[in-house]
């Protein structure tokens, strides 16, 4: 499902986005959708890392938690589950 929205960008931002979309063979809309999704995922993982650090979990446990969270995020945001 997609939603149509009206957005405003600076001239510099939209020109850069158009260049990157063209270079990757994508429509501007698809490129911006991907960029926003990637930013949202980085925010989720950054918060997760902060929680792990505050909890003082060991690296092995944190890596397992990251893998499990990645699977959950993929299912929630991307509508799919990666093969483990």
N, C-alpha and C. Protein backbone atom coordinates (compact mmCIF):
# COMPACT_ATOMS: atom_id res chain seq x y z
N UNK A 1 0.85 -1.17 0.00
CA UNK A 1 0.00 0.00 0.00
C UNK A 1 0.89 1.24 0.00
N UNK A 2 0.51 2.23 -0.72
CA UNK A 2 1.25 3.49 -0.75
C UNK A 2 0.33 4.63 -0.39
N UNK A 3 0.92 5.70 0.10
CA UNK A 3 0.17 6.91 0.42
C UNK A 3 0.77 8.06 -0.35
N UNK A 4 -0.06 8.89 -0.91
CA UNK A 4 0.42 10.08 -1.61
C UNK A 4 0.49 11.21 -0.60
N UNK A 5 1.65 11.89 -0.59
CA UNK A 5 1.85 13.01 0.33
C UNK A 5 2.51 14.15 -0.42
N UNK A 6 2.37 15.35 0.11
CA UNK A 6 3.02 16.51 -0.45
C UNK A 6 4.16 16.89 0.49
N UNK A 7 5.36 16.98 -0.05
CA UNK A 7 6.54 17.31 0.74
C UNK A 7 7.25 18.50 0.13
N UNK A 8 7.99 19.21 0.95
CA UNK A 8 8.82 20.32 0.47
C UNK A 8 10.26 20.03 0.82
N UNK A 9 11.16 20.26 -0.14
CA UNK A 9 12.59 20.05 0.03
C UNK A 9 13.33 21.30 -0.43
N UNK A 10 14.51 21.52 0.12
CA UNK A 10 15.35 22.60 -0.40
C UNK A 10 15.76 22.21 -1.82
N UNK A 11 16.10 23.22 -2.62
CA UNK A 11 16.53 22.95 -4.00
C UNK A 11 17.73 22.01 -4.02
N UNK A 12 18.68 22.23 -3.11
CA UNK A 12 19.88 21.40 -3.07
C UNK A 12 19.55 19.95 -2.74
N UNK A 13 18.65 19.74 -1.79
CA UNK A 13 18.29 18.39 -1.37
C UNK A 13 17.59 17.64 -2.49
N UNK A 14 16.65 18.26 -3.14
CA UNK A 14 15.89 17.55 -4.17
C UNK A 14 16.76 17.28 -5.40
N UNK A 15 17.67 18.18 -5.72
CA UNK A 15 18.57 17.93 -6.86
C UNK A 15 19.51 16.77 -6.56
N UNK A 16 20.03 16.72 -5.33
CA UNK A 16 20.89 15.59 -4.95
C UNK A 16 20.10 14.29 -4.99
N UNK A 17 18.88 14.31 -4.47
CA UNK A 17 18.04 13.11 -4.47
C UNK A 17 17.76 12.65 -5.90
N UNK A 18 17.50 13.59 -6.78
CA UNK A 18 17.25 13.22 -8.18
C UNK A 18 18.48 12.58 -8.82
N UNK A 19 19.66 13.14 -8.52
CA UNK A 19 20.90 12.55 -9.06
C UNK A 19 21.11 11.13 -8.55
N UNK A 20 20.94 10.94 -7.23
CA UNK A 20 21.15 9.61 -6.66
C UNK A 20 20.12 8.62 -7.20
N UNK A 21 18.88 9.05 -7.32
CA UNK A 21 17.83 8.15 -7.84
C UNK A 21 18.16 7.74 -9.28
N UNK A 22 18.56 8.71 -10.08
CA UNK A 22 18.91 8.41 -11.48
C UNK A 22 20.10 7.46 -11.53
N UNK A 23 21.12 7.72 -10.73
CA UNK A 23 22.31 6.87 -10.72
C UNK A 23 21.96 5.43 -10.35
N UNK A 24 20.98 5.27 -9.46
CA UNK A 24 20.59 3.93 -9.02
C UNK A 24 19.47 3.33 -9.87
N UNK A 25 19.04 4.05 -10.89
CA UNK A 25 18.00 3.55 -11.78
C UNK A 25 16.63 3.45 -11.11
N UNK A 26 16.38 4.37 -10.21
CA UNK A 26 15.12 4.35 -9.45
C UNK A 26 14.34 5.63 -9.73
N UNK A 27 13.05 5.55 -9.50
CA UNK A 27 12.27 6.78 -9.54
C UNK A 27 12.61 7.60 -8.30
N UNK A 28 12.39 8.90 -8.38
CA UNK A 28 12.63 9.77 -7.23
C UNK A 28 11.79 9.32 -6.04
N UNK A 29 10.56 8.98 -6.29
CA UNK A 29 9.66 8.54 -5.23
C UNK A 29 10.19 7.27 -4.55
N UNK A 30 10.62 6.30 -5.34
CA UNK A 30 11.15 5.05 -4.77
C UNK A 30 12.43 5.32 -3.98
N UNK A 31 13.29 6.22 -4.49
CA UNK A 31 14.54 6.51 -3.82
C UNK A 31 14.27 7.19 -2.47
N UNK A 32 13.36 8.15 -2.45
CA UNK A 32 13.03 8.83 -1.19
C UNK A 32 12.39 7.86 -0.21
N UNK A 33 11.53 6.97 -0.70
CA UNK A 33 10.93 5.96 0.17
C UNK A 33 12.01 5.10 0.80
N UNK A 34 12.97 4.65 -0.01
CA UNK A 34 14.06 3.82 0.51
C UNK A 34 14.91 4.60 1.51
N UNK A 35 15.21 5.86 1.20
CA UNK A 35 16.03 6.68 2.09
C UNK A 35 15.34 6.88 3.44
N UNK A 36 14.05 7.14 3.41
CA UNK A 36 13.30 7.33 4.65
C UNK A 36 13.24 6.03 5.45
N UNK A 37 13.04 4.92 4.78
CA UNK A 37 13.01 3.62 5.45
C UNK A 37 14.35 3.31 6.10
N UNK A 38 15.44 3.56 5.37
CA UNK A 38 16.78 3.32 5.91
C UNK A 38 17.04 4.19 7.13
N UNK A 39 16.61 5.45 7.09
CA UNK A 39 16.78 6.35 8.24
C UNK A 39 15.98 5.83 9.43
N UNK A 40 14.77 5.38 9.20
CA UNK A 40 13.94 4.84 10.29
C UNK A 40 14.61 3.62 10.91
N UNK A 41 15.15 2.75 10.09
CA UNK A 41 15.83 1.56 10.61
C UNK A 41 17.07 1.93 11.41
N UNK A 42 17.83 2.93 10.93
CA UNK A 42 19.00 3.37 11.70
C UNK A 42 18.60 3.89 13.06
N UNK A 43 17.48 4.61 13.13
CA UNK A 43 16.99 5.12 14.41
C UNK A 43 16.64 3.96 15.35
N UNK A 44 15.96 2.94 14.82
CA UNK A 44 15.59 1.78 15.63
C UNK A 44 16.85 1.10 16.17
N UNK A 45 17.82 0.88 15.30
CA UNK A 45 19.04 0.19 15.73
C UNK A 45 19.88 1.05 16.67
N UNK A 46 19.91 2.35 16.47
CA UNK A 46 20.65 3.23 17.38
C UNK A 46 20.05 3.18 18.77
N UNK A 47 18.74 3.20 18.85
CA UNK A 47 18.09 3.11 20.16
C UNK A 47 18.35 1.75 20.79
N UNK A 48 18.31 0.71 19.98
CA UNK A 48 18.60 -0.63 20.49
C UNK A 48 20.02 -0.69 21.05
N UNK A 49 20.98 -0.13 20.32
CA UNK A 49 22.37 -0.14 20.78
C UNK A 49 22.50 0.62 22.09
N UNK A 50 21.79 1.72 22.22
CA UNK A 50 21.84 2.48 23.47
C UNK A 50 21.29 1.66 24.63
N UNK A 51 20.22 0.94 24.40
CA UNK A 51 19.64 0.08 25.45
C UNK A 51 20.62 -1.01 25.83
N UNK A 52 21.25 -1.63 24.83
CA UNK A 52 22.23 -2.68 25.08
C UNK A 52 23.38 -2.12 25.91
N UNK A 53 23.87 -0.95 25.54
CA UNK A 53 24.97 -0.34 26.28
C UNK A 53 24.57 -0.02 27.71
N UNK A 54 23.38 0.53 27.90
CA UNK A 54 22.93 0.85 29.27
C UNK A 54 22.76 -0.40 30.10
N UNK A 55 22.35 -1.49 29.46
CA UNK A 55 22.14 -2.74 30.19
C UNK A 55 23.45 -3.47 30.47
N UNK A 56 24.52 -3.06 29.79
CA UNK A 56 25.82 -3.70 30.00
C UNK A 56 25.86 -5.14 29.51
N UNK A 57 25.08 -5.45 28.48
CA UNK A 57 25.07 -6.80 27.94
C UNK A 57 26.38 -7.12 27.25
N UNK A 58 26.73 -8.40 27.23
CA UNK A 58 27.96 -8.78 26.54
C UNK A 58 27.76 -8.73 25.03
N UNK A 59 28.85 -8.67 24.29
CA UNK A 59 28.80 -8.48 22.84
C UNK A 59 28.09 -9.63 22.14
N UNK A 60 28.32 -10.85 22.59
CA UNK A 60 27.69 -12.01 21.95
C UNK A 60 26.17 -11.94 22.10
N UNK A 61 25.71 -11.60 23.30
CA UNK A 61 24.26 -11.48 23.52
C UNK A 61 23.70 -10.32 22.70
N UNK A 62 24.45 -9.23 22.61
CA UNK A 62 24.00 -8.08 21.84
C UNK A 62 23.90 -8.42 20.36
N UNK A 63 24.86 -9.18 19.84
CA UNK A 63 24.83 -9.58 18.43
C UNK A 63 23.61 -10.44 18.14
N UNK A 64 23.31 -11.36 19.05
CA UNK A 64 22.12 -12.21 18.87
C UNK A 64 20.86 -11.36 18.91
N UNK A 65 20.81 -10.42 19.86
CA UNK A 65 19.64 -9.54 19.96
C UNK A 65 19.51 -8.70 18.69
N UNK A 66 20.62 -8.21 18.14
CA UNK A 66 20.58 -7.43 16.91
C UNK A 66 20.01 -8.25 15.76
N UNK A 67 20.45 -9.49 15.64
CA UNK A 67 19.97 -10.36 14.56
C UNK A 67 18.47 -10.60 14.71
N UNK A 68 18.04 -10.84 15.94
CA UNK A 68 16.61 -11.08 16.18
C UNK A 68 15.81 -9.81 15.92
N UNK A 69 16.35 -8.67 16.34
CA UNK A 69 15.64 -7.41 16.11
C UNK A 69 15.59 -7.09 14.62
N UNK A 70 16.67 -7.37 13.90
CA UNK A 70 16.67 -7.13 12.45
C UNK A 70 15.57 -7.93 11.78
N UNK A 71 15.39 -9.15 12.21
CA UNK A 71 14.32 -9.98 11.65
C UNK A 71 12.95 -9.38 11.95
N UNK A 72 12.76 -8.92 13.18
CA UNK A 72 11.48 -8.30 13.56
C UNK A 72 11.24 -7.01 12.79
N UNK A 73 12.29 -6.19 12.64
CA UNK A 73 12.16 -4.93 11.91
C UNK A 73 11.85 -5.21 10.45
N UNK A 74 12.54 -6.18 9.85
CA UNK A 74 12.24 -6.54 8.47
C UNK A 74 10.79 -6.96 8.32
N UNK A 75 10.30 -7.74 9.25
CA UNK A 75 8.91 -8.19 9.18
C UNK A 75 7.95 -7.01 9.33
N UNK A 76 8.25 -6.11 10.27
CA UNK A 76 7.34 -5.00 10.54
C UNK A 76 7.39 -3.91 9.47
N UNK A 77 8.60 -3.48 9.10
CA UNK A 77 8.74 -2.35 8.18
C UNK A 77 8.78 -2.76 6.72
N UNK A 78 9.33 -3.93 6.46
CA UNK A 78 9.52 -4.32 5.07
C UNK A 78 8.55 -5.40 4.63
N UNK A 79 7.79 -5.94 5.57
CA UNK A 79 6.80 -6.95 5.23
C UNK A 79 7.40 -8.28 4.83
N UNK A 80 8.61 -8.57 5.36
CA UNK A 80 9.21 -9.85 5.02
C UNK A 80 10.08 -10.33 6.16
N UNK A 81 10.38 -11.58 6.11
CA UNK A 81 11.31 -12.18 7.08
C UNK A 81 12.46 -12.76 6.28
N UNK A 82 13.68 -12.41 6.67
CA UNK A 82 14.86 -12.96 6.00
C UNK A 82 15.08 -14.39 6.46
N UNK A 83 15.58 -15.20 5.55
CA UNK A 83 15.91 -16.58 5.91
C UNK A 83 17.09 -16.57 6.86
N UNK A 84 16.99 -17.29 7.95
CA UNK A 84 18.07 -17.31 8.93
C UNK A 84 18.93 -18.54 8.75
